[in-house]
Structures are given as structure tokens and as C-alpha cells.
Amino acid sequence: IECRINAENPKLGFRPSAGTITSINYPAGPWVRFDTSIY
């Protein structure tokens, strides 16, 4: 199964969200894959 991770706010009509990543924790574990370009 794949989930698309979007920079948006579903509570505000899916308003796009731009800005600087101030903290990020990547998921891990067996058979978990996170394809991304953010850091």
C-alpha cells in the first residue's frame, strides 16, 4: 500500500503549504519505503 504525502492542510480545504522543514523523522523498519526529496 502507498500513501501520498502532500504539503497541504485538509482542514482548510486542502490548502497547499509551503515553508521550511524545521524537523523531520523518517519512518523505518522492515519493508517500509519512503520515497521523498525533503530533508
PDB file of all heavy atoms in Angstrom:
ATOM      1  N   ILE A   1       0.854  -1.190   0.000  1.00  0.00           N
ATOM      2  CA  ILE A   1       0.000   0.000   0.000  1.00  0.00           C
ATOM      3  C   ILE A   1       0.887   1.236   0.000  1.00  0.00           C
ATOM      4  O   ILE A   1       1.936   1.260   0.659  1.00  0.00           O
ATOM      5  CB  ILE A   1      -0.937   0.037   1.229  1.00  0.00           C
ATOM      6  CG1 ILE A   1      -1.681  -1.296   1.406  1.00  0.00           C
ATOM      7  CG2 ILE A   1      -1.947   1.178   1.103  1.00  0.00           C
ATOM      8  CD1 ILE A   1      -2.543  -1.366   2.647  1.00  0.00           C
ATOM      9  N   GLU A   2       0.465   2.252  -0.721  1.00  0.00           N
ATOM     10  CA  GLU A   2       1.195   3.526  -0.784  1.00  0.00           C
ATOM     11  C   GLU A   2       0.285   4.678  -0.384  1.00  0.00           C
ATOM     12  O   GLU A   2      -0.860   4.764  -0.828  1.00  0.00           O
ATOM     13  CB  GLU A   2       1.719   3.762  -2.206  1.00  0.00           C
ATOM     14  CG  GLU A   2       2.298   5.152  -2.430  1.00  0.00           C
ATOM     15  CD  GLU A   2       2.729   5.383  -3.871  1.00  0.00           C
ATOM     16  OE1 GLU A   2       3.680   4.710  -4.300  1.00  0.00           O
ATOM     17  OE2 GLU A   2       2.116   6.226  -4.563  1.00  0.00           O
ATOM     18  N   CYS A   3       0.808   5.560   0.452  1.00  0.00           N
ATOM     19  CA  CYS A   3       0.142   6.821   0.794  1.00  0.00           C
ATOM     20  C   CYS A   3       0.919   7.970   0.169  1.00  0.00           C
ATOM     21  O   CYS A   3       2.141   8.035   0.308  1.00  0.00           O
ATOM     22  CB  CYS A   3       0.117   7.040   2.309  1.00  0.00           C
ATOM     23  SG  CYS A   3      -1.210   6.213   3.173  1.00  0.00           S
ATOM     24  N   ARG A   4       0.228   8.887  -0.470  1.00  0.00           N
ATOM     25  CA  ARG A   4       0.876  10.088  -0.979  1.00  0.00           C
ATOM     26  C   ARG A   4       0.924  11.126   0.151  1.00  0.00           C
ATOM     27  O   ARG A   4      -0.115  11.459   0.734  1.00  0.00           O
ATOM     28  CB  ARG A   4       0.123  10.654  -2.179  1.00  0.00           C
ATOM     29  CG  ARG A   4       0.049   9.689  -3.350  1.00  0.00           C
ATOM     30  CD  ARG A   4      -0.434  10.381  -4.600  1.00  0.00           C
ATOM     31  NE  ARG A   4      -0.662   9.428  -5.679  1.00  0.00           N
ATOM     32  CZ  ARG A   4      -0.825   9.764  -6.948  1.00  0.00           C
ATOM     33  NH1 ARG A   4      -0.805  11.049  -7.296  1.00  0.00           N
ATOM     34  NH2 ARG A   4      -1.029   8.842  -7.877  1.00  0.00           N
ATOM     35  N   ILE A   5       2.107  11.603   0.440  1.00  0.00           N
ATOM     36  CA  ILE A   5       2.277  12.607   1.482  1.00  0.00           C
ATOM     37  C   ILE A   5       2.337  13.974   0.811  1.00  0.00           C
ATOM     38  O   ILE A   5       3.261  14.261   0.037  1.00  0.00           O
ATOM     39  CB  ILE A   5       3.554  12.356   2.303  1.00  0.00           C
ATOM     40  CG1 ILE A   5       3.567  10.907   2.838  1.00  0.00           C
ATOM     41  CG2 ILE A   5       3.650  13.361   3.437  1.00  0.00           C
ATOM     42  CD1 ILE A   5       2.377  10.536   3.704  1.00  0.00           C
ATOM     43  N   ASN A   6       1.347  14.796   1.094  1.00  0.00           N
ATOM     44  CA  ASN A   6       1.231  16.109   0.456  1.00  0.00           C
ATOM     45  C   ASN A   6       1.436  17.240   1.459  1.00  0.00           C
ATOM     46  O   ASN A   6       1.015  17.135   2.619  1.00  0.00           O
ATOM     47  CB  ASN A   6      -0.151  16.280  -0.184  1.00  0.00           C
ATOM     48  CG  ASN A   6      -0.382  15.307  -1.314  1.00  0.00           C
ATOM     49  OD1 ASN A   6       0.550  14.777  -1.907  1.00  0.00           O
ATOM     50  ND2 ASN A   6      -1.651  15.054  -1.621  1.00  0.00           N
ATOM     51  N   ALA A   7       2.045  18.310   0.989  1.00  0.00           N
ATOM     52  CA  ALA A   7       2.188  19.523   1.804  1.00  0.00           C
ATOM     53  C   ALA A   7       0.917  20.341   1.630  1.00  0.00           C
ATOM     54  O   ALA A   7       0.821  21.216   0.764  1.00  0.00           O
ATOM     55  CB  ALA A   7       3.418  20.319   1.358  1.00  0.00           C
ATOM     56  N   GLU A   8      -0.081  20.037   2.458  1.00  0.00           N
ATOM     57  CA  GLU A   8      -1.383  20.684   2.356  1.00  0.00           C
ATOM     58  C   GLU A   8      -2.122  20.522   3.668  1.00  0.00           C
ATOM     59  O   GLU A   8      -1.781  19.665   4.487  1.00  0.00           O
ATOM     60  CB  GLU A   8      -2.193  20.076   1.207  1.00  0.00           C
ATOM     61  CG  GLU A   8      -2.505  18.599   1.395  1.00  0.00           C
ATOM     62  CD  GLU A   8      -3.159  17.949   0.194  1.00  0.00           C
ATOM     63  OE1 GLU A   8      -3.155  18.555  -0.884  1.00  0.00           O
ATOM     64  OE2 GLU A   8      -3.675  16.822   0.333  1.00  0.00           O
ATOM     65  N   ASN A   9      -3.165  21.313   3.852  1.00  0.00           N
ATOM     66  CA  ASN A   9      -3.962  21.258   5.076  1.00  0.00           C
ATOM     67  C   ASN A   9      -5.385  20.834   4.726  1.00  0.00           C
ATOM     68  O   ASN A   9      -6.179  21.646   4.231  1.00  0.00           O
ATOM     69  CB  ASN A   9      -3.973  22.618   5.771  1.00  0.00           C
ATOM     70  CG  ASN A   9      -4.572  22.537   7.169  1.00  0.00           C
ATOM     71  OD1 ASN A   9      -5.488  21.780   7.423  1.00  0.00           O
ATOM     72  ND2 ASN A   9      -4.032  23.340   8.083  1.00  0.00           N
ATOM     73  N   PRO A  10      -5.731  19.558   4.971  1.00  0.00           N
ATOM     74  CA  PRO A  10      -7.077  19.081   4.656  1.00  0.00           C
ATOM     75  C   PRO A  10      -8.174  19.839   5.386  1.00  0.00           C
ATOM     76  O   PRO A  10      -9.296  19.961   4.873  1.00  0.00           O
ATOM     77  CB  PRO A  10      -7.041  17.614   5.095  1.00  0.00           C
ATOM     78  CG  PRO A  10      -5.602  17.234   5.034  1.00  0.00           C
ATOM     79  CD  PRO A  10      -4.868  18.473   5.459  1.00  0.00           C
ATOM     80  N   LYS A  11      -7.882  20.361   6.585  1.00  0.00           N
ATOM     81  CA  LYS A  11      -8.891  21.077   7.368  1.00  0.00           C
ATOM     82  C   LYS A  11      -9.196  22.453   6.793  1.00  0.00           C
ATOM     83  O   LYS A  11     -10.210  23.058   7.138  1.00  0.00           O
ATOM     84  CB  LYS A  11      -8.421  21.209   8.818  1.00  0.00           C
ATOM     85  CG  LYS A  11      -8.294  19.877   9.554  1.00  0.00           C
ATOM     86  CD  LYS A  11      -7.796  20.086  10.971  1.00  0.00           C
ATOM     87  CE  LYS A  11      -7.660  18.758  11.711  1.00  0.00           C
ATOM     88  NZ  LYS A  11      -7.137  18.939  13.085  1.00  0.00           N
ATOM     89  N   LEU A  12      -8.323  22.933   5.943  1.00  0.00           N
ATOM     90  CA  LEU A  12      -8.521  24.243   5.317  1.00  0.00           C
ATOM     91  C   LEU A  12      -8.717  24.081   3.813  1.00  0.00           C
ATOM     92  O   LEU A  12      -8.139  24.820   3.015  1.00  0.00           O
ATOM     93  CB  LEU A  12      -7.325  25.156   5.616  1.00  0.00           C
ATOM     94  CG  LEU A  12      -7.081  25.502   7.093  1.00  0.00           C
ATOM     95  CD1 LEU A  12      -5.812  26.322   7.251  1.00  0.00           C
ATOM     96  CD2 LEU A  12      -8.284  26.253   7.674  1.00  0.00           C
ATOM     97  N   GLY A  13      -9.527  23.100   3.445  1.00  0.00           N
ATOM     98  CA  GLY A  13      -9.827  22.883   2.033  1.00  0.00           C
ATOM     99  C   GLY A  13      -8.630  22.410   1.236  1.00  0.00           C
ATOM    100  O   GLY A  13      -8.515  22.696   0.040  1.00  0.00           O
ATOM    101  N   PHE A  14      -7.732  21.674   1.902  1.00  0.00           N
ATOM    102  CA  PHE A  14      -6.516  21.151   1.268  1.00  0.00           C
ATOM    103  C   PHE A  14      -5.641  22.292   0.724  1.00  0.00           C
ATOM    104  O   PHE A  14      -5.032  22.161  -0.332  1.00  0.00           O
ATOM    105  CB  PHE A  14      -6.858  20.152   0.157  1.00  0.00           C
ATOM    106  CG  PHE A  14      -7.535  18.916   0.675  1.00  0.00           C
ATOM    107  CD1 PHE A  14      -8.918  18.849   0.780  1.00  0.00           C
ATOM    108  CD2 PHE A  14      -6.793  17.828   1.089  1.00  0.00           C
ATOM    109  CE1 PHE A  14      -9.551  17.715   1.278  1.00  0.00           C
ATOM    110  CE2 PHE A  14      -7.404  16.683   1.588  1.00  0.00           C
ATOM    111  CZ  PHE A  14      -8.788  16.627   1.683  1.00  0.00           C
ATOM    112  N   ARG A  15      -5.578  23.354   1.470  1.00  0.00           N
ATOM    113  CA  ARG A  15      -4.749  24.494   1.077  1.00  0.00           C
ATOM    114  C   ARG A  15      -3.283  24.082   1.050  1.00  0.00           C
ATOM    115  O   ARG A  15      -2.765  23.532   2.014  1.00  0.00           O
ATOM    116  CB  ARG A  15      -4.929  25.646   2.073  1.00  0.00           C
ATOM    117  CG  ARG A  15      -4.194  26.920   1.688  1.00  0.00           C
ATOM    118  CD  ARG A  15      -4.431  28.006   2.722  1.00  0.00           C
ATOM    119  NE  ARG A  15      -3.787  27.691   3.992  1.00  0.00           N
ATOM    120  CZ  ARG A  15      -3.945  28.411   5.106  1.00  0.00           C
ATOM    121  NH1 ARG A  15      -4.755  29.463   5.088  1.00  0.00           N
ATOM    122  NH2 ARG A  15      -3.312  28.067   6.217  1.00  0.00           N
ATOM    123  N   PRO A  16      -2.582  24.332  -0.070  1.00  0.00           N
ATOM    124  CA  PRO A  16      -1.158  23.985  -0.157  1.00  0.00           C
ATOM    125  C   PRO A  16      -0.354  24.690   0.927  1.00  0.00           C
ATOM    126  O   PRO A  16      -0.681  25.805   1.331  1.00  0.00           O
ATOM    127  CB  PRO A  16      -0.762  24.472  -1.557  1.00  0.00           C
ATOM    128  CG  PRO A  16      -2.038  24.513  -2.326  1.00  0.00           C
ATOM    129  CD  PRO A  16      -3.095  24.906  -1.333  1.00  0.00           C
ATOM    130  N   SER A  17       0.698  24.007   1.397  1.00  0.00           N
ATOM    131  CA  SER A  17       1.501  24.558   2.490  1.00  0.00           C
ATOM    132  C   SER A  17       2.969  24.607   2.078  1.00  0.00           C
ATOM    133  O   SER A  17       3.614  23.573   1.924  1.00  0.00           O
ATOM    134  CB  SER A  17       1.343  23.699   3.753  1.00  0.00           C
ATOM    135  OG  SER A  17       2.159  24.180   4.799  1.00  0.00           O
ATOM    136  N   ALA A  18       3.489  25.793   1.862  1.00  0.00           N
ATOM    137  CA  ALA A  18       4.910  25.980   1.573  1.00  0.00           C
ATOM    138  C   ALA A  18       5.622  26.415   2.847  1.00  0.00           C
ATOM    139  O   ALA A  18       4.998  26.921   3.778  1.00  0.00           O
ATOM    140  CB  ALA A  18       5.087  27.029   0.480  1.00  0.00           C
ATOM    141  N   GLY A  19       6.927  26.198   2.905  1.00  0.00           N
ATOM    142  CA  GLY A  19       7.676  26.616   4.072  1.00  0.00           C
ATOM    143  C   GLY A  19       8.907  25.754   4.285  1.00  0.00           C
ATOM    144  O   GLY A  19       9.187  24.835   3.509  1.00  0.00           O
ATOM    145  N   THR A  20       9.638  26.035   5.352  1.00  0.00           N
ATOM    146  CA  THR A  20      10.894  25.343   5.634  1.00  0.00           C
ATOM    147  C   THR A  20      10.679  24.197   6.618  1.00  0.00           C
ATOM    148  O   THR A  20       9.987  24.356   7.628  1.00  0.00           O
ATOM    149  CB  THR A  20      11.933  26.326   6.215  1.00  0.00           C
ATOM    150  OG1 THR A  20      12.165  27.360   5.265  1.00  0.00           O
ATOM    151  CG2 THR A  20      13.247  25.617   6.511  1.00  0.00           C
ATOM    152  N   ILE A  21      11.263  23.038   6.315  1.00  0.00           N
ATOM    153  CA  ILE A  21      11.171  21.876   7.191  1.00  0.00           C
ATOM    154  C   ILE A  21      12.046  22.136   8.417  1.00  0.00           C
ATOM    155  O   ILE A  21      13.271  22.210   8.328  1.00  0.00           O
ATOM    156  CB  ILE A  21      11.659  20.597   6.476  1.00  0.00           C
ATOM    157  CG1 ILE A  21      10.930  20.395   5.142  1.00  0.00           C
ATOM    158  CG2 ILE A  21      11.497  19.387   7.389  1.00  0.00           C
ATOM    159  CD1 ILE A  21       9.469  20.104   5.250  1.00  0.00           C
ATOM    160  N   THR A  22      11.429  22.275   9.587  1.00  0.00           N
ATOM    161  CA  THR A  22      12.169  22.576  10.811  1.00  0.00           C
ATOM    162  C   THR A  22      12.511  21.316  11.604  1.00  0.00           C
ATOM    163  O   THR A  22      13.359  21.359  12.501  1.00  0.00           O
ATOM    164  CB  THR A  22      11.360  23.528  11.707  1.00  0.00           C
ATOM    165  OG1 THR A  22      10.071  22.938  11.991  1.00  0.00           O
ATOM    166  CG2 THR A  22      11.158  24.872  11.018  1.00  0.00           C
ATOM    167  N   SER A  23      11.843  20.211  11.268  1.00  0.00           N
ATOM    168  CA  SER A  23      12.138  18.930  11.919  1.00  0.00           C
ATOM    169  C   SER A  23      11.554  17.818  11.066  1.00  0.00           C
ATOM    170  O   SER A  23      10.474  17.981  10.493  1.00  0.00           O
ATOM    171  CB  SER A  23      11.527  18.880  13.327  1.00  0.00           C
ATOM    172  OG  SER A  23      11.726  17.601  13.906  1.00  0.00           O
ATOM    173  N   ILE A  24      12.272  16.707  10.963  1.00  0.00           N
ATOM    174  CA  ILE A  24      11.746  15.582  10.200  1.00  0.00           C
ATOM    175  C   ILE A  24      12.252  14.277  10.788  1.00  0.00           C
ATOM    176  O   ILE A  24      13.427  14.154  11.166  1.00  0.00           O
ATOM    177  CB  ILE A  24      12.117  15.682   8.696  1.00  0.00           C
ATOM    178  CG1 ILE A  24      11.469  14.525   7.911  1.00  0.00           C
ATOM    179  CG2 ILE A  24      13.622  15.719   8.482  1.00  0.00           C
ATOM    180  CD1 ILE A  24      11.492  14.724   6.414  1.00  0.00           C
ATOM    181  N   ASN A  25      11.332  13.316  10.915  1.00  0.00           N
ATOM    182  CA  ASN A  25      11.684  11.968  11.351  1.00  0.00           C
ATOM    183  C   ASN A  25      11.212  10.995  10.285  1.00  0.00           C
ATOM    184  O   ASN A  25      10.021  10.931   9.968  1.00  0.00           O
ATOM    185  CB  ASN A  25      11.018  11.641  12.693  1.00  0.00           C
ATOM    186  CG  ASN A  25      11.452  10.283  13.211  1.00  0.00           C
ATOM    187  OD1 ASN A  25      12.609  10.089  13.583  1.00  0.00           O
ATOM    188  ND2 ASN A  25      10.542   9.321  13.215  1.00  0.00           N
ATOM    189  N   TYR A  26      12.150  10.254   9.705  1.00  0.00           N
ATOM    190  CA  TYR A  26      11.811   9.323   8.633  1.00  0.00           C
ATOM    191  C   TYR A  26      11.347   7.989   9.219  1.00  0.00           C
ATOM    192  O   TYR A  26      11.992   7.451  10.129  1.00  0.00           O
ATOM    193  CB  TYR A  26      13.016   9.077   7.725  1.00  0.00           C
ATOM    194  CG  TYR A  26      13.507  10.298   7.005  1.00  0.00           C
ATOM    195  CD1 TYR A  26      14.561  11.045   7.509  1.00  0.00           C
ATOM    196  CD2 TYR A  26      12.928  10.706   5.813  1.00  0.00           C
ATOM    197  CE1 TYR A  26      15.022  12.178   6.850  1.00  0.00           C
ATOM    198  CE2 TYR A  26      13.375  11.839   5.150  1.00  0.00           C
ATOM    199  CZ  TYR A  26      14.422  12.571   5.668  1.00  0.00           C
ATOM    200  OH  TYR A  26      14.866  13.685   5.015  1.00  0.00           O
ATOM    201  N   PRO A  27      10.257   7.427   8.728  1.00  0.00           N
ATOM    202  CA  PRO A  27       9.815   6.118   9.201  1.00  0.00           C
ATOM    203  C   PRO A  27      10.790   5.039   8.757  1.00  0.00           C
ATOM    204  O   PRO A  27      11.444   5.167   7.719  1.00  0.00           O
ATOM    205  CB  PRO A  27       8.445   5.948   8.542  1.00  0.00           C
ATOM    206  CG  PRO A  27       8.499   6.810   7.325  1.00  0.00           C
ATOM    207  CD  PRO A  27       9.373   7.973   7.676  1.00  0.00           C
ATOM    208  N   ALA A  28      10.887   3.971   9.534  1.00  0.00           N
ATOM    209  CA  ALA A  28      11.833   2.905   9.217  1.00  0.00           C
ATOM    210  C   ALA A  28      11.232   1.565   9.622  1.00  0.00           C
ATOM    211  O   ALA A  28      10.076   1.486  10.046  1.00  0.00           O
ATOM    212  CB  ALA A  28      13.161   3.153   9.927  1.00  0.00           C
ATOM    213  N   GLY A  29      12.020   0.515   9.485  1.00  0.00           N
ATOM    214  CA  GLY A  29      11.566  -0.815   9.824  1.00  0.00           C
ATOM    215  C   GLY A  29      11.525  -1.700   8.593  1.00  0.00           C
ATOM    216  O   GLY A  29      11.637  -1.226   7.460  1.00  0.00           O
ATOM    217  N   PRO A  30      11.345  -3.011   8.792  1.00  0.00           N
ATOM    218  CA  PRO A  30      11.306  -3.950   7.665  1.00  0.00           C
ATOM    219  C   PRO A  30      10.186  -3.621   6.684  1.00  0.00           C
ATOM    220  O   PRO A  30       9.050  -3.362   7.092  1.00  0.00           O
ATOM    221  CB  PRO A  30      11.064  -5.308   8.341  1.00  0.00           C
ATOM    222  CG  PRO A  30      11.505  -5.113   9.760  1.00  0.00           C
ATOM    223  CD  PRO A  30      11.202  -3.688  10.082  1.00  0.00           C
ATOM    224  N   TRP A  31      10.517  -3.609   5.414  1.00  0.00           N
ATOM    225  CA  TRP A  31       9.566  -3.441   4.326  1.00  0.00           C
ATOM    226  C   TRP A  31       8.799  -2.115   4.399  1.00  0.00           C
ATOM    227  O   TRP A  31       7.613  -2.052   4.109  1.00  0.00           O
ATOM    228  CB  TRP A  31       8.610  -4.630   4.266  1.00  0.00           C
ATOM    229  CG  TRP A  31       9.345  -5.910   4.071  1.00  0.00           C
ATOM    230  CD1 TRP A  31      10.010  -6.319   2.955  1.00  0.00           C
ATOM    231  CD2 TRP A  31       9.520  -6.949   5.042  1.00  0.00           C
ATOM    232  NE1 TRP A  31      10.611  -7.534   3.177  1.00  0.00           N
ATOM    233  CE2 TRP A  31      10.317  -7.958   4.448  1.00  0.00           C
ATOM    234  CE3 TRP A  31       9.088  -7.125   6.352  1.00  0.00           C
ATOM    235  CZ2 TRP A  31      10.686  -9.108   5.118  1.00  0.00           C
ATOM    236  CZ3 TRP A  31       9.455  -8.270   7.021  1.00  0.00           C
ATOM    237  CH2 TRP A  31      10.245  -9.254   6.411  1.00  0.00           C
ATOM    238  N   VAL A  32       9.512  -1.077   4.824  1.00  0.00           N
ATOM    239  CA  VAL A  32       8.974   0.288   4.825  1.00  0.00           C
ATOM    240  C   VAL A  32       9.843   1.129   3.906  1.00  0.00           C
ATOM    241  O   VAL A  32      11.063   1.136   4.033  1.00  0.00           O
ATOM    242  CB  VAL A  32       8.967   0.906   6.240  1.00  0.00           C
ATOM    243  CG1 VAL A  32       8.522   2.367   6.179  1.00  0.00           C
ATOM    244  CG2 VAL A  32       8.049   0.116   7.164  1.00  0.00           C
ATOM    245  N   ARG A  33       9.222   1.818   2.982  1.00  0.00           N
ATOM    246  CA  ARG A  33       9.961   2.617   1.987  1.00  0.00           C
ATOM    247  C   ARG A  33       9.360   4.025   1.947  1.00  0.00           C
ATOM    248  O   ARG A  33       8.142   4.179   1.814  1.00  0.00           O
ATOM    249  CB  ARG A  33       9.850   1.924   0.627  1.00  0.00           C
ATOM    250  CG  ARG A  33      10.333   2.715  -0.579  1.00  0.00           C
ATOM    251  CD  ARG A  33      10.246   1.837  -1.812  1.00  0.00           C
ATOM    252  NE  ARG A  33      10.371   2.616  -3.050  1.00  0.00           N
ATOM    253  CZ  ARG A  33      10.309   2.083  -4.275  1.00  0.00           C
ATOM    254  NH1 ARG A  33      10.140   0.775  -4.424  1.00  0.00           N
ATOM    255  NH2 ARG A  33      10.417   2.868  -5.343  1.00  0.00           N
ATOM    256  N   PHE A  34      10.202   5.025   2.068  1.00  0.00           N
ATOM    257  CA  PHE A  34       9.740   6.406   1.990  1.00  0.00           C
ATOM    258  C   PHE A  34      10.478   7.095   0.852  1.00  0.00           C
ATOM    259  O   PHE A  34      11.657   7.445   0.965  1.00  0.00           O
ATOM    260  CB  PHE A  34       9.979   7.133   3.316  1.00  0.00           C
ATOM    261  CG  PHE A  34       9.417   8.536   3.364  1.00  0.00           C
ATOM    262  CD1 PHE A  34       8.151   8.820   2.846  1.00  0.00           C
ATOM    263  CD2 PHE A  34      10.132   9.570   3.934  1.00  0.00           C
ATOM    264  CE1 PHE A  34       7.629  10.113   2.889  1.00  0.00           C
ATOM    265  CE2 PHE A  34       9.625  10.864   4.000  1.00  0.00           C
ATOM    266  CZ  PHE A  34       8.364  11.134   3.470  1.00  0.00           C
ATOM    267  N   ASP A  35       9.811   7.266  -0.270  1.00  0.00           N
ATOM    268  CA  ASP A  35      10.378   7.951  -1.427  1.00  0.00           C
ATOM    269  C   ASP A  35      10.094   9.443  -1.286  1.00  0.00           C
ATOM    270  O   ASP A  35       8.926   9.860  -1.345  1.00  0.00           O
ATOM    271  CB  ASP A  35       9.753   7.427  -2.728  1.00  0.00           C
ATOM    272  CG  ASP A  35      10.250   6.048  -3.115  1.00  0.00           C
ATOM    273  OD1 ASP A  35      10.882   5.395  -2.257  1.00  0.00           O
ATOM    274  OD2 ASP A  35      10.008   5.614  -4.258  1.00  0.00           O
ATOM    275  N   THR A  36      11.130  10.235  -1.100  1.00  0.00           N
ATOM    276  CA  THR A  36      10.926  11.662  -0.873  1.00  0.00           C
ATOM    277  C   THR A  36      12.134  12.452  -1.339  1.00  0.00           C
ATOM    278  O   THR A  36      13.187  11.878  -1.655  1.00  0.00           O
ATOM    279  CB  THR A  36      10.654  11.950   0.617  1.00  0.00           C
ATOM    280  OG1 THR A  36      10.270  13.307   0.778  1.00  0.00           O
ATOM    281  CG2 THR A  36      11.887  11.674   1.460  1.00  0.00           C
ATOM    282  N   SER A  37      11.967  13.761  -1.361  1.00  0.00           N
ATOM    283  CA  SER A  37      13.077  14.647  -1.706  1.00  0.00           C
ATOM    284  C   SER A  37      13.242  15.740  -0.653  1.00  0.00           C
ATOM    285  O   SER A  37      13.964  16.705  -0.860  1.00  0.00           O
ATOM    286  CB  SER A  37      12.831  15.286  -3.076  1.00  0.00           C
ATOM    287  OG  SER A  37      11.633  16.052  -3.061  1.00  0.00           O
ATOM    288  N   ILE A  38      12.551  15.604   0.485  1.00  0.00           N
ATOM    289  CA  ILE A  38      12.646  16.634   1.525  1.00  0.00           C
ATOM    290  C   ILE A  38      13.677  16.226   2.576  1.00  0.00           C
ATOM    291  O   ILE A  38      13.970  15.040   2.747  1.00  0.00           O
ATOM    292  CB  ILE A  38      11.292  16.916   2.194  1.00  0.00           C
ATOM    293  CG1 ILE A  38      10.762  15.673   2.928  1.00  0.00           C
ATOM    294  CG2 ILE A  38      10.273  17.408   1.169  1.00  0.00           C
ATOM    295  CD1 ILE A  38       9.542  15.934   3.775  1.00  0.00           C
ATOM    296  N   TYR A  39      14.205  17.204   3.272  1.00  0.00           N
ATOM    297  CA  TYR A  39      15.180  16.970   4.325  1.00  0.00           C
ATOM    298  C   TYR A  39      15.119  18.140   5.307  1.00  0.00           C
ATOM    299  O   TYR A  39      14.479  19.167   5.031  1.00  0.00           O
ATOM    300  CB  TYR A  39      16.588  16.813   3.738  1.00  0.00           C
ATOM    301  CG  TYR A  39      17.044  17.985   2.888  1.00  0.00           C
ATOM    302  CD1 TYR A  39      17.657  19.106   3.453  1.00  0.00           C
ATOM    303  CD2 TYR A  39      16.846  17.991   1.497  1.00  0.00           C
ATOM    304  CE1 TYR A  39      18.074  20.179   2.687  1.00  0.00           C
ATOM    305  CE2 TYR A  39      17.256  19.060   0.713  1.00  0.00           C
ATOM    306  CZ  TYR A  39      17.863  20.152   1.312  1.00  0.00           C
ATOM    307  OH  TYR A  39      18.258  21.218   0.545  1.00  0.00           O
TER     308      TYR A  39
END
